[in-house]
Amino acid sequence: TLSVRRVNEDICRIYESAQRIDSITFLPSSDFHLKWKIQTRIANEKYLRTHKEVEWLISGFFREIFLKRPDNILEFAADYFTDPRLPSKIHMQLIKDKKVA
């Protein structure tokens, strides 16, 4: 099975690649836009660091996709994110995460 750390690393690589493409292709030349983009990325990073549940939501979702390899990803995503047990799964993962730290 894939480890959560491995899935998180893969997600980070995909995100960084997308950001590099976005920066090269779509970033306006103005200093204002560059500063705004950097400030937005910093704010997003701070938010994600203070809300670990987002990390567990995303990594859990990707882990399940890689393990189950569903044919219909949209249907799978709808089922995954509407599962009434999902909040308790995330809560339990946060508790485990705090015990390790």
PDB file of N, CA and C in Angstrom:
ATOM      1  N   THR A   1       0.838  -1.194   0.000  1.00  0.00           N
ATOM      2  CA  THR A   1       0.000   0.000   0.000  1.00  0.00           C
ATOM      3  C   THR A   1       0.872   1.242   0.000  1.00  0.00           C
ATOM      4  N   LEU A   2       0.302   2.313  -0.497  1.00  0.00           N
ATOM      5  CA  LEU A   2       1.019   3.584  -0.517  1.00  0.00           C
ATOM      6  C   LEU A   2       0.957   4.243   0.845  1.00  0.00           C
ATOM      7  N   SER A   3       2.039   4.829   1.250  1.00  0.00           N
ATOM      8  CA  SER A   3       2.023   5.533   2.522  1.00  0.00           C
ATOM      9  C   SER A   3       1.436   6.918   2.308  1.00  0.00           C
ATOM     10  N   VAL A   4       0.898   7.474   3.368  1.00  0.00           N
ATOM     11  CA  VAL A   4       0.323   8.820   3.300  1.00  0.00           C
ATOM     12  C   VAL A   4       1.412   9.813   2.928  1.00  0.00           C
ATOM     13  N   ARG A   5       2.611   9.621   3.475  1.00  0.00           N
ATOM     14  CA  ARG A   5       3.726  10.529   3.158  1.00  0.00           C
ATOM     15  C   ARG A   5       4.014  10.507   1.662  1.00  0.00           C
ATOM     16  N   ARG A   6       4.025   9.308   1.058  1.00  0.00           N
ATOM     17  CA  ARG A   6       4.305   9.187  -0.372  1.00  0.00           C
ATOM     18  C   ARG A   6       3.229   9.891  -1.192  1.00  0.00           C
ATOM     19  N   VAL A   7       1.973   9.704  -0.817  1.00  0.00           N
ATOM     20  CA  VAL A   7       0.872  10.364  -1.527  1.00  0.00           C
ATOM     21  C   VAL A   7       1.010  11.875  -1.398  1.00  0.00           C
ATOM     22  N   ASN A   8       1.321  12.356  -0.184  1.00  0.00           N
ATOM     23  CA  ASN A   8       1.491  13.796   0.023  1.00  0.00           C
ATOM     24  C   ASN A   8       2.632  14.341  -0.824  1.00  0.00           C
ATOM     25  N   GLU A   9       3.734  13.606  -0.913  1.00  0.00           N
ATOM     26  CA  GLU A   9       4.857  14.045  -1.734  1.00  0.00           C
ATOM     27  C   GLU A   9       4.453  14.117  -3.198  1.00  0.00           C
ATOM     28  N   ASP A  10       3.694  13.125  -3.661  1.00  0.00           N
ATOM     29  CA  ASP A  10       3.234  13.133  -5.051  1.00  0.00           C
ATOM     30  C   ASP A  10       2.319  14.318  -5.314  1.00  0.00           C
ATOM     31  N   ILE A  11       1.420  14.594  -4.379  1.00  0.00           N
ATOM     32  CA  ILE A  11       0.504  15.726  -4.529  1.00  0.00           C
ATOM     33  C   ILE A  11       1.292  17.022  -4.591  1.00  0.00           C
ATOM     34  N   CYS A  12       2.289  17.166  -3.724  1.00  0.00           N
ATOM     35  CA  CYS A  12       3.112  18.379  -3.717  1.00  0.00           C
ATOM     36  C   CYS A  12       3.847  18.558  -5.032  1.00  0.00           C
ATOM     37  N   ARG A  13       4.396  17.471  -5.587  1.00  0.00           N
ATOM     38  CA  ARG A  13       5.102  17.567  -6.869  1.00  0.00           C
ATOM     39  C   ARG A  13       4.154  18.001  -7.985  1.00  0.00           C
ATOM     40  N   ILE A  14       2.965  17.432  -8.012  1.00  0.00           N
ATOM     41  CA  ILE A  14       1.978  17.803  -9.033  1.00  0.00           C
ATOM     42  C   ILE A  14       1.605  19.266  -8.881  1.00  0.00           C
ATOM     43  N   TYR A  15       1.365  19.701  -7.634  1.00  0.00           N
ATOM     44  CA  TYR A  15       0.991  21.086  -7.375  1.00  0.00           C
ATOM     45  C   TYR A  15       2.111  22.038  -7.794  1.00  0.00           C
ATOM     46  N   GLU A  16       3.360  21.706  -7.435  1.00  0.00           N
ATOM     47  CA  GLU A  16       4.485  22.564  -7.785  1.00  0.00           C
ATOM     48  C   GLU A  16       4.660  22.647  -9.297  1.00  0.00           C
ATOM     49  N   SER A  17       4.476  21.533  -9.999  1.00  0.00           N
ATOM     50  CA  SER A  17       4.581  21.550 -11.454  1.00  0.00           C
ATOM     51  C   SER A  17       3.518  22.451 -12.054  1.00  0.00           C
ATOM     52  N   ALA A  18       2.302  22.344 -11.536  1.00  0.00           N
ATOM     53  CA  ALA A  18       1.210  23.192 -12.037  1.00  0.00           C
ATOM     54  C   ALA A  18       1.508  24.656 -11.771  1.00  0.00           C
ATOM     55  N   GLN A  19       2.078  24.961 -10.611  1.00  0.00           N
ATOM     56  CA  GLN A  19       2.397  26.343 -10.276  1.00  0.00           C
ATOM     57  C   GLN A  19       3.488  26.881 -11.194  1.00  0.00           C
ATOM     58  N   ARG A  20       4.489  26.056 -11.521  1.00  0.00           N
ATOM     59  CA  ARG A  20       5.545  26.502 -12.418  1.00  0.00           C
ATOM     60  C   ARG A  20       4.970  26.804 -13.797  1.00  0.00           C
ATOM     61  N   ILE A  21       4.108  25.928 -14.291  1.00  0.00           N
ATOM     62  CA  ILE A  21       3.479  26.157 -15.592  1.00  0.00           C
ATOM     63  C   ILE A  21       2.647  27.422 -15.536  1.00  0.00           C
ATOM     64  N   ASP A  22       1.863  27.583 -14.456  1.00  0.00           N
ATOM     65  CA  ASP A  22       1.030  28.764 -14.293  1.00  0.00           C
ATOM     66  C   ASP A  22       1.886  30.022 -14.251  1.00  0.00           C
ATOM     67  N   SER A  23       2.985  29.997 -13.522  1.00  0.00           N
ATOM     68  CA  SER A  23       3.850  31.162 -13.395  1.00  0.00           C
ATOM     69  C   SER A  23       4.459  31.540 -14.734  1.00  0.00           C
ATOM     70  N   ILE A  24       4.870  30.548 -15.499  1.00  0.00           N
ATOM     71  CA  ILE A  24       5.511  30.823 -16.780  1.00  0.00           C
ATOM     72  C   ILE A  24       4.485  31.306 -17.800  1.00  0.00           C
ATOM     73  N   THR A  25       3.336  30.680 -17.831  1.00  0.00           N
ATOM     74  CA  THR A  25       2.369  30.921 -18.888  1.00  0.00           C
ATOM     75  C   THR A  25       1.450  32.114 -18.620  1.00  0.00           C
ATOM     76  N   PHE A  26       0.957  32.215 -17.385  1.00  0.00           N
ATOM     77  CA  PHE A  26      -0.128  33.146 -17.137  1.00  0.00           C
ATOM     78  C   PHE A  26       0.203  34.339 -16.252  1.00  0.00           C
ATOM     79  N   LEU A  27       1.390  34.408 -15.689  1.00  0.00           N
ATOM     80  CA  LEU A  27       1.706  35.482 -14.765  1.00  0.00           C
ATOM     81  C   LEU A  27       1.875  36.800 -15.518  1.00  0.00           C
ATOM     82  N   PRO A  28       1.060  37.800 -15.204  1.00  0.00           N
ATOM     83  CA  PRO A  28       1.223  39.109 -15.849  1.00  0.00           C
ATOM     84  C   PRO A  28       2.582  39.704 -15.487  1.00  0.00           C
ATOM     85  N   SER A  29       3.068  40.633 -16.301  1.00  0.00           N
ATOM     86  CA  SER A  29       4.404  41.175 -16.103  1.00  0.00           C
ATOM     87  C   SER A  29       4.456  42.222 -14.991  1.00  0.00           C
ATOM     88  N   SER A  30       3.331  42.726 -14.556  1.00  0.00           N
ATOM     89  CA  SER A  30       3.304  43.799 -13.567  1.00  0.00           C
ATOM     90  C   SER A  30       3.815  43.333 -12.205  1.00  0.00           C
ATOM     91  N   ASP A  31       4.556  44.194 -11.507  1.00  0.00           N
ATOM     92  CA  ASP A  31       5.039  43.908 -10.150  1.00  0.00           C
ATOM     93  C   ASP A  31       3.886  43.680  -9.191  1.00  0.00           C
ATOM     94  N   PHE A  32       2.817  44.439  -9.362  1.00  0.00           N
ATOM     95  CA  PHE A  32       1.659  44.295  -8.488  1.00  0.00           C
ATOM     96  C   PHE A  32       1.124  42.874  -8.526  1.00  0.00           C
ATOM     97  N   HIS A  33       0.978  42.334  -9.726  1.00  0.00           N
ATOM     98  CA  HIS A  33       0.434  40.983  -9.866  1.00  0.00           C
ATOM     99  C   HIS A  33       1.377  39.932  -9.278  1.00  0.00           C
ATOM    100  N   LEU A  34       2.677  40.138  -9.454  1.00  0.00           N
ATOM    101  CA  LEU A  34       3.656  39.210  -8.890  1.00  0.00           C
ATOM    102  C   LEU A  34       3.562  39.220  -7.360  1.00  0.00           C
ATOM    103  N   LYS A  35       3.520  40.413  -6.762  1.00  0.00           N
ATOM    104  CA  LYS A  35       3.405  40.515  -5.305  1.00  0.00           C
ATOM    105  C   LYS A  35       2.092  39.906  -4.823  1.00  0.00           C
ATOM    106  N   TRP A  36       1.008  40.157  -5.556  1.00  0.00           N
ATOM    107  CA  TRP A  36      -0.293  39.609  -5.179  1.00  0.00           C
ATOM    108  C   TRP A  36      -0.256  38.078  -5.216  1.00  0.00           C
ATOM    109  N   LYS A  37       0.366  37.542  -6.265  1.00  0.00           N
ATOM    110  CA  LYS A  37       0.441  36.085  -6.396  1.00  0.00           C
ATOM    111  C   LYS A  37       1.268  35.479  -5.262  1.00  0.00           C
ATOM    112  N   ILE A  38       2.387  36.104  -4.921  1.00  0.00           N
ATOM    113  CA  ILE A  38       3.222  35.602  -3.828  1.00  0.00           C
ATOM    114  C   ILE A  38       2.472  35.687  -2.511  1.00  0.00           C
ATOM    115  N   GLN A  39       1.796  36.797  -2.262  1.00  0.00           N
ATOM    116  CA  GLN A  39       1.031  36.952  -1.013  1.00  0.00           C
ATOM    117  C   GLN A  39      -0.089  35.915  -0.934  1.00  0.00           C
ATOM    118  N   THR A  40      -0.735  35.659  -2.042  1.00  0.00           N
ATOM    119  CA  THR A  40      -1.813  34.657  -2.076  1.00  0.00           C
ATOM    120  C   THR A  40      -1.256  33.274  -1.773  1.00  0.00           C
ATOM    121  N   ARG A  41      -0.120  32.933  -2.351  1.00  0.00           N
ATOM    122  CA  ARG A  41       0.488  31.614  -2.102  1.00  0.00           C
ATOM    123  C   ARG A  41       0.904  31.470  -0.643  1.00  0.00           C
ATOM    124  N   ILE A  42       1.435  32.546  -0.055  1.00  0.00           N
ATOM    125  CA  ILE A  42       1.819  32.509   1.362  1.00  0.00           C
ATOM    126  C   ILE A  42       0.580  32.327   2.229  1.00  0.00           C
ATOM    127  N   ALA A  43      -0.478  33.068   1.924  1.00  0.00           N
ATOM    128  CA  ALA A  43      -1.727  32.958   2.695  1.00  0.00           C
ATOM    129  C   ALA A  43      -2.311  31.544   2.562  1.00  0.00           C
ATOM    130  N   ASN A  44      -2.276  30.990   1.379  1.00  0.00           N
ATOM    131  CA  ASN A  44      -2.775  29.621   1.173  1.00  0.00           C
ATOM    132  C   ASN A  44      -1.951  28.617   1.970  1.00  0.00           C
ATOM    133  N   GLU A  45      -0.638  28.785   1.952  1.00  0.00           N
ATOM    134  CA  GLU A  45       0.250  27.879   2.694  1.00  0.00           C
ATOM    135  C   GLU A  45      -0.026  27.957   4.194  1.00  0.00           C
ATOM    136  N   LYS A  46      -0.201  29.161   4.712  1.00  0.00           N
ATOM    137  CA  LYS A  46      -0.517  29.333   6.139  1.00  0.00           C
ATOM    138  C   LYS A  46      -1.842  28.654   6.479  1.00  0.00           C
ATOM    139  N   TYR A  47      -2.813  28.825   5.620  1.00  0.00           N
ATOM    140  CA  TYR A  47      -4.124  28.211   5.851  1.00  0.00           C
ATOM    141  C   TYR A  47      -4.007  26.690   5.906  1.00  0.00           C
ATOM    142  N   LEU A  48      -3.304  26.127   4.930  1.00  0.00           N
ATOM    143  CA  LEU A  48      -3.160  24.673   4.877  1.00  0.00           C
ATOM    144  C   LEU A  48      -2.374  24.131   6.071  1.00  0.00           C
ATOM    145  N   ARG A  49      -1.391  24.886   6.549  1.00  0.00           N
ATOM    146  CA  ARG A  49      -0.612  24.437   7.713  1.00  0.00           C
ATOM    147  C   ARG A  49      -1.436  24.472   8.995  1.00  0.00           C
ATOM    148  N   THR A  50      -2.397  25.375   9.083  1.00  0.00           N
ATOM    149  CA  THR A  50      -3.221  25.458  10.294  1.00  0.00           C
ATOM    150  C   THR A  50      -4.468  24.587  10.205  1.00  0.00           C
ATOM    151  N   HIS A  51      -4.772  24.064   9.038  1.00  0.00           N
ATOM    152  CA  HIS A  51      -5.948  23.209   8.852  1.00  0.00           C
ATOM    153  C   HIS A  51      -5.511  21.859   8.297  1.00  0.00           C
ATOM    154  N   LYS A  52      -4.967  21.023   9.185  1.00  0.00           N
ATOM    155  CA  LYS A  52      -4.455  19.717   8.785  1.00  0.00           C
ATOM    156  C   LYS A  52      -5.542  18.827   8.187  1.00  0.00           C
ATOM    157  N   GLU A  53      -6.799  19.123   8.528  1.00  0.00           N
ATOM    158  CA  GLU A  53      -7.872  18.286   7.997  1.00  0.00           C
ATOM    159  C   GLU A  53      -7.930  18.348   6.471  1.00  0.00           C
ATOM    160  N   VAL A  54      -7.506  19.464   5.893  1.00  0.00           N
ATOM    161  CA  VAL A  54      -7.481  19.573   4.431  1.00  0.00           C
ATOM    162  C   VAL A  54      -6.473  18.572   3.863  1.00  0.00           C
ATOM    163  N   GLU A  55      -5.310  18.500   4.495  1.00  0.00           N
ATOM    164  CA  GLU A  55      -4.282  17.549   4.058  1.00  0.00           C
ATOM    165  C   GLU A  55      -4.808  16.120   4.128  1.00  0.00           C
ATOM    166  N   TRP A  56      -5.502  15.788   5.229  1.00  0.00           N
ATOM    167  CA  TRP A  56      -6.010  14.420   5.379  1.00  0.00           C
ATOM    168  C   TRP A  56      -7.147  14.138   4.408  1.00  0.00           C
ATOM    169  N   LEU A  57      -7.975  15.133   4.122  1.00  0.00           N
ATOM    170  CA  LEU A  57      -9.038  14.952   3.127  1.00  0.00           C
ATOM    171  C   LEU A  57      -8.448  14.609   1.767  1.00  0.00           C
ATOM    172  N   ILE A  58      -7.491  15.425   1.361  1.00  0.00           N
ATOM    173  CA  ILE A  58      -6.913  15.252   0.022  1.00  0.00           C
ATOM    174  C   ILE A  58      -6.072  13.986  -0.063  1.00  0.00           C
ATOM    175  N   SER A  59      -5.208  13.760   0.934  1.00  0.00           N
ATOM    176  CA  SER A  59      -4.350  12.575   0.858  1.00  0.00           C
ATOM    177  C   SER A  59      -5.174  11.294   0.969  1.00  0.00           C
ATOM    178  N   GLY A  60      -6.225  11.317   1.801  1.00  0.00           N
ATOM    179  CA  GLY A  60      -7.100  10.143   1.902  1.00  0.00           C
ATOM    180  C   GLY A  60      -7.818   9.871   0.592  1.00  0.00           C
ATOM    181  N   PHE A  61      -8.280  10.927  -0.038  1.00  0.00           N
ATOM    182  CA  PHE A  61      -8.967  10.793  -1.318  1.00  0.00           C
ATOM    183  C   PHE A  61      -8.033  10.190  -2.368  1.00  0.00           C
ATOM    184  N   PHE A  62      -6.828  10.749  -2.487  1.00  0.00           N
ATOM    185  CA  PHE A  62      -5.878  10.219  -3.469  1.00  0.00           C
ATOM    186  C   PHE A  62      -5.455   8.793  -3.126  1.00  0.00           C
ATOM    187  N   ARG A  63      -5.260   8.499  -1.849  1.00  0.00           N
ATOM    188  CA  ARG A  63      -4.882   7.145  -1.450  1.00  0.00           C
ATOM    189  C   ARG A  63      -5.954   6.154  -1.925  1.00  0.00           C
ATOM    190  N   GLU A  64      -7.230   6.493  -1.676  1.00  0.00           N
ATOM    191  CA  GLU A  64      -8.321   5.604  -2.080  1.00  0.00           C
ATOM    192  C   GLU A  64      -8.400   5.461  -3.599  1.00  0.00           C
ATOM    193  N   ILE A  65      -8.144   6.534  -4.321  1.00  0.00           N
ATOM    194  CA  ILE A  65      -8.147   6.462  -5.791  1.00  0.00           C
ATOM    195  C   ILE A  65      -7.060   5.509  -6.271  1.00  0.00           C
ATOM    196  N   PHE A  66      -5.849   5.659  -5.699  1.00  0.00           N
ATOM    197  CA  PHE A  66      -4.739   4.812  -6.144  1.00  0.00           C
ATOM    198  C   PHE A  66      -4.942   3.357  -5.750  1.00  0.00           C
ATOM    199  N   LEU A  67      -5.580   3.116  -4.621  1.00  0.00           N
ATOM    200  CA  LEU A  67      -5.819   1.739  -4.188  1.00  0.00           C
ATOM    201  C   LEU A  67      -6.952   1.079  -4.966  1.00  0.00           C
ATOM    202  N   LYS A  68      -8.044   1.822  -5.185  1.00  0.00           N
ATOM    203  CA  LYS A  68      -9.236   1.238  -5.811  1.00  0.00           C
ATOM    204  C   LYS A  68      -9.288   1.419  -7.321  1.00  0.00           C
ATOM    205  N   ARG A  69      -8.584   2.420  -7.827  1.00  0.00           N
ATOM    206  CA  ARG A  69      -8.538   2.712  -9.266  1.00  0.00           C
ATOM    207  C   ARG A  69      -9.926   2.641  -9.917  1.00  0.00           C
ATOM    208  N   PRO A  70     -10.849   3.513  -9.484  1.00  0.00           N
ATOM    209  CA  PRO A  70     -12.209   3.458 -10.028  1.00  0.00           C
ATOM    210  C   PRO A  70     -12.253   3.876 -11.498  1.00  0.00           C
ATOM    211  N   ASP A  71     -13.200   3.298 -12.233  1.00  0.00           N
ATOM    212  CA  ASP A  71     -13.381   3.670 -13.634  1.00  0.00           C
ATOM    213  C   ASP A  71     -13.994   5.061 -13.763  1.00  0.00           C
ATOM    214  N   ASN A  72     -14.935   5.357 -12.868  1.00  0.00           N
ATOM    215  CA  ASN A  72     -15.606   6.656 -12.903  1.00  0.00           C
ATOM    216  C   ASN A  72     -15.145   7.485 -11.697  1.00  0.00           C
ATOM    217  N   ILE A  73     -14.151   8.327 -11.916  1.00  0.00           N
ATOM    218  CA  ILE A  73     -13.559   9.089 -10.812  1.00  0.00           C
ATOM    219  C   ILE A  73     -14.541  10.117 -10.269  1.00  0.00           C
ATOM    220  N   LEU A  74     -15.339  10.729 -11.121  1.00  0.00           N
ATOM    221  CA  LEU A  74     -16.302  11.731 -10.631  1.00  0.00           C
ATOM    222  C   LEU A  74     -17.325  11.098  -9.690  1.00  0.00           C
ATOM    223  N   GLU A  75     -17.823   9.947 -10.065  1.00  0.00           N
ATOM    224  CA  GLU A  75     -18.772   9.242  -9.201  1.00  0.00           C
ATOM    225  C   GLU A  75     -18.093   8.813  -7.902  1.00  0.00           C
ATOM    226  N   PHE A  76     -16.869   8.323  -8.019  1.00  0.00           N
ATOM    227  CA  PHE A  76     -16.115   7.915  -6.848  1.00  0.00           C
ATOM    228  C   PHE A  76     -15.892   9.110  -5.912  1.00  0.00           C
ATOM    229  N   ALA A  77     -15.521  10.258  -6.479  1.00  0.00           N
ATOM    230  CA  ALA A  77     -15.294  11.468  -5.674  1.00  0.00           C
ATOM    231  C   ALA A  77     -16.578  11.895  -4.968  1.00  0.00           C
ATOM    232  N   ALA A  78     -17.692  11.854  -5.685  1.00  0.00           N
ATOM    233  CA  ALA A  78     -18.973  12.221  -5.071  1.00  0.00           C
ATOM    234  C   ALA A  78     -19.286  11.299  -3.900  1.00  0.00           C
ATOM    235  N   ASP A  79     -19.075  10.006  -4.076  1.00  0.00           N
ATOM    236  CA  ASP A  79     -19.317   9.045  -2.991  1.00  0.00           C
ATOM    237  C   ASP A  79     -18.356   9.266  -1.832  1.00  0.00           C
ATOM    238  N   TYR A  80     -17.090   9.506  -2.156  1.00  0.00           N
ATOM    239  CA  TYR A  80     -16.071   9.673  -1.121  1.00  0.00           C
ATOM    240  C   TYR A  80     -16.374  10.890  -0.239  1.00  0.00           C
ATOM    241  N   PHE A  81     -16.644  12.024  -0.875  1.00  0.00           N
ATOM    242  CA  PHE A  81     -16.816  13.269  -0.115  1.00  0.00           C
ATOM    243  C   PHE A  81     -18.200  13.412   0.521  1.00  0.00           C
ATOM    244  N   THR A  82     -19.156  12.573   0.137  1.00  0.00           N
ATOM    245  CA  THR A  82     -20.471  12.612   0.787  1.00  0.00           C
ATOM    246  C   THR A  82     -20.666  11.469   1.770  1.00  0.00           C
ATOM    247  N   ASP A  83     -19.629  10.666   1.965  1.00  0.00           N
ATOM    248  CA  ASP A  83     -19.701   9.566   2.925  1.00  0.00           C
ATOM    249  C   ASP A  83     -19.931  10.136   4.326  1.00  0.00           C
ATOM    250  N   PRO A  84     -21.017   9.754   4.991  1.00  0.00           N
ATOM    251  CA  PRO A  84     -21.291  10.308   6.322  1.00  0.00           C
ATOM    252  C   PRO A  84     -20.228   9.943   7.363  1.00  0.00           C
ATOM    253  N   ARG A  85     -19.399   8.938   7.086  1.00  0.00           N
ATOM    254  CA  ARG A  85     -18.334   8.556   8.013  1.00  0.00           C
ATOM    255  C   ARG A  85     -17.062   9.375   7.826  1.00  0.00           C
ATOM    256  N   LEU A  86     -16.988  10.154   6.753  1.00  0.00           N
ATOM    257  CA  LEU A  86     -15.771  10.901   6.447  1.00  0.00           C
ATOM    258  C   LEU A  86     -15.353  11.857   7.571  1.00  0.00           C
ATOM    259  N   PRO A  87     -16.255  12.663   8.140  1.00  0.00           N
ATOM    260  CA  PRO A  87     -15.821  13.561   9.228  1.00  0.00           C
ATOM    261  C   PRO A  87     -15.184  12.814  10.402  1.00  0.00           C
ATOM    262  N   SER A  88     -15.742  11.675  10.771  1.00  0.00           N
ATOM    263  CA  SER A  88     -15.159  10.936  11.898  1.00  0.00           C
ATOM    264  C   SER A  88     -13.812  10.315  11.498  1.00  0.00           C
ATOM    265  N   LYS A  89     -13.664   9.891  10.248  1.00  0.00           N
ATOM    266  CA  LYS A  89     -12.378   9.368   9.790  1.00  0.00           C
ATOM    267  C   LYS A  89     -11.291  10.448   9.871  1.00  0.00           C
ATOM    268  N   ILE A  90     -11.641  11.644   9.419  1.00  0.00           N
ATOM    269  CA  ILE A  90     -10.688  12.757   9.451  1.00  0.00           C
ATOM    270  C   ILE A  90     -10.367  13.113  10.900  1.00  0.00           C
ATOM    271  N   HIS A  91     -11.384  13.140  11.744  1.00  0.00           N
ATOM    272  CA  HIS A  91     -11.183  13.462  13.156  1.00  0.00           C
ATOM    273  C   HIS A  91     -10.237  12.449  13.809  1.00  0.00           C
ATOM    274  N   MET A  92     -10.433  11.177  13.524  1.00  0.00           N
ATOM    275  CA  MET A  92      -9.575  10.135  14.090  1.00  0.00           C
ATOM    276  C   MET A  92      -8.135  10.275  13.580  1.00  0.00           C
ATOM    277  N   GLN A  93      -7.997  10.636  12.326  1.00  0.00           N
ATOM    278  CA  GLN A  93      -6.659  10.821  11.764  1.00  0.00           C
ATOM    279  C   GLN A  93      -5.957  12.006  12.420  1.00  0.00           C
ATOM    280  N   LEU A  94      -6.700  13.074  12.692  1.00  0.00           N
ATOM    281  CA  LEU A  94      -6.122  14.237  13.375  1.00  0.00           C
ATOM    282  C   LEU A  94      -5.673  13.865  14.783  1.00  0.00           C
ATOM    283  N   ILE A  95      -6.453  13.041  15.462  1.00  0.00           N
ATOM    284  CA  ILE A  95      -6.075  12.584  16.806  1.00  0.00           C
ATOM    285  C   ILE A  95      -4.795  11.758  16.736  1.00  0.00           C
ATOM    286  N   LYS A  96      -4.720  10.836  15.774  1.00  0.00           N
ATOM    287  CA  LYS A  96      -3.506  10.023  15.614  1.00  0.00           C
ATOM    288  C   LYS A  96      -2.308  10.902  15.300  1.00  0.00           C
ATOM    289  N   ASP A  97      -2.518  11.908  14.458  1.00  0.00           N
ATOM    290  CA  ASP A  97      -1.456  12.825  14.056  1.00  0.00           C
ATOM    291  C   ASP A  97      -0.913  13.594  15.276  1.00  0.00           C
ATOM    292  N   LYS A  98      -1.802  14.006  16.158  1.00  0.00           N
ATOM    293  CA  LYS A  98      -1.384  14.735  17.355  1.00  0.00           C
ATOM    294  C   LYS A  98      -0.603  13.835  18.314  1.00  0.00           C
ATOM    295  N   LYS A  99      -0.995  12.554  18.393  1.00  0.00           N
ATOM    296  CA  LYS A  99      -0.289  11.618  19.277  1.00  0.00           C
ATOM    297  C   LYS A  99       1.133  11.378  18.791  1.00  0.00           C
ATOM    298  N   VAL A 100       1.326  11.352  17.479  1.00  0.00           N
ATOM    299  CA  VAL A 100       2.649  11.119  16.905  1.00  0.00           C
ATOM    300  C   VAL A 100       3.550  12.339  17.127  1.00  0.00           C
ATOM    301  N   ALA A 101       2.961  13.516  17.060  1.00  0.00           N
ATOM    302  CA  ALA A 101       3.739  14.768  17.176  1.00  0.00           C
ATOM    303  C   ALA A 101       4.218  15.051  18.550  1.00  0.00           C
TER     304      ALA A 101
END
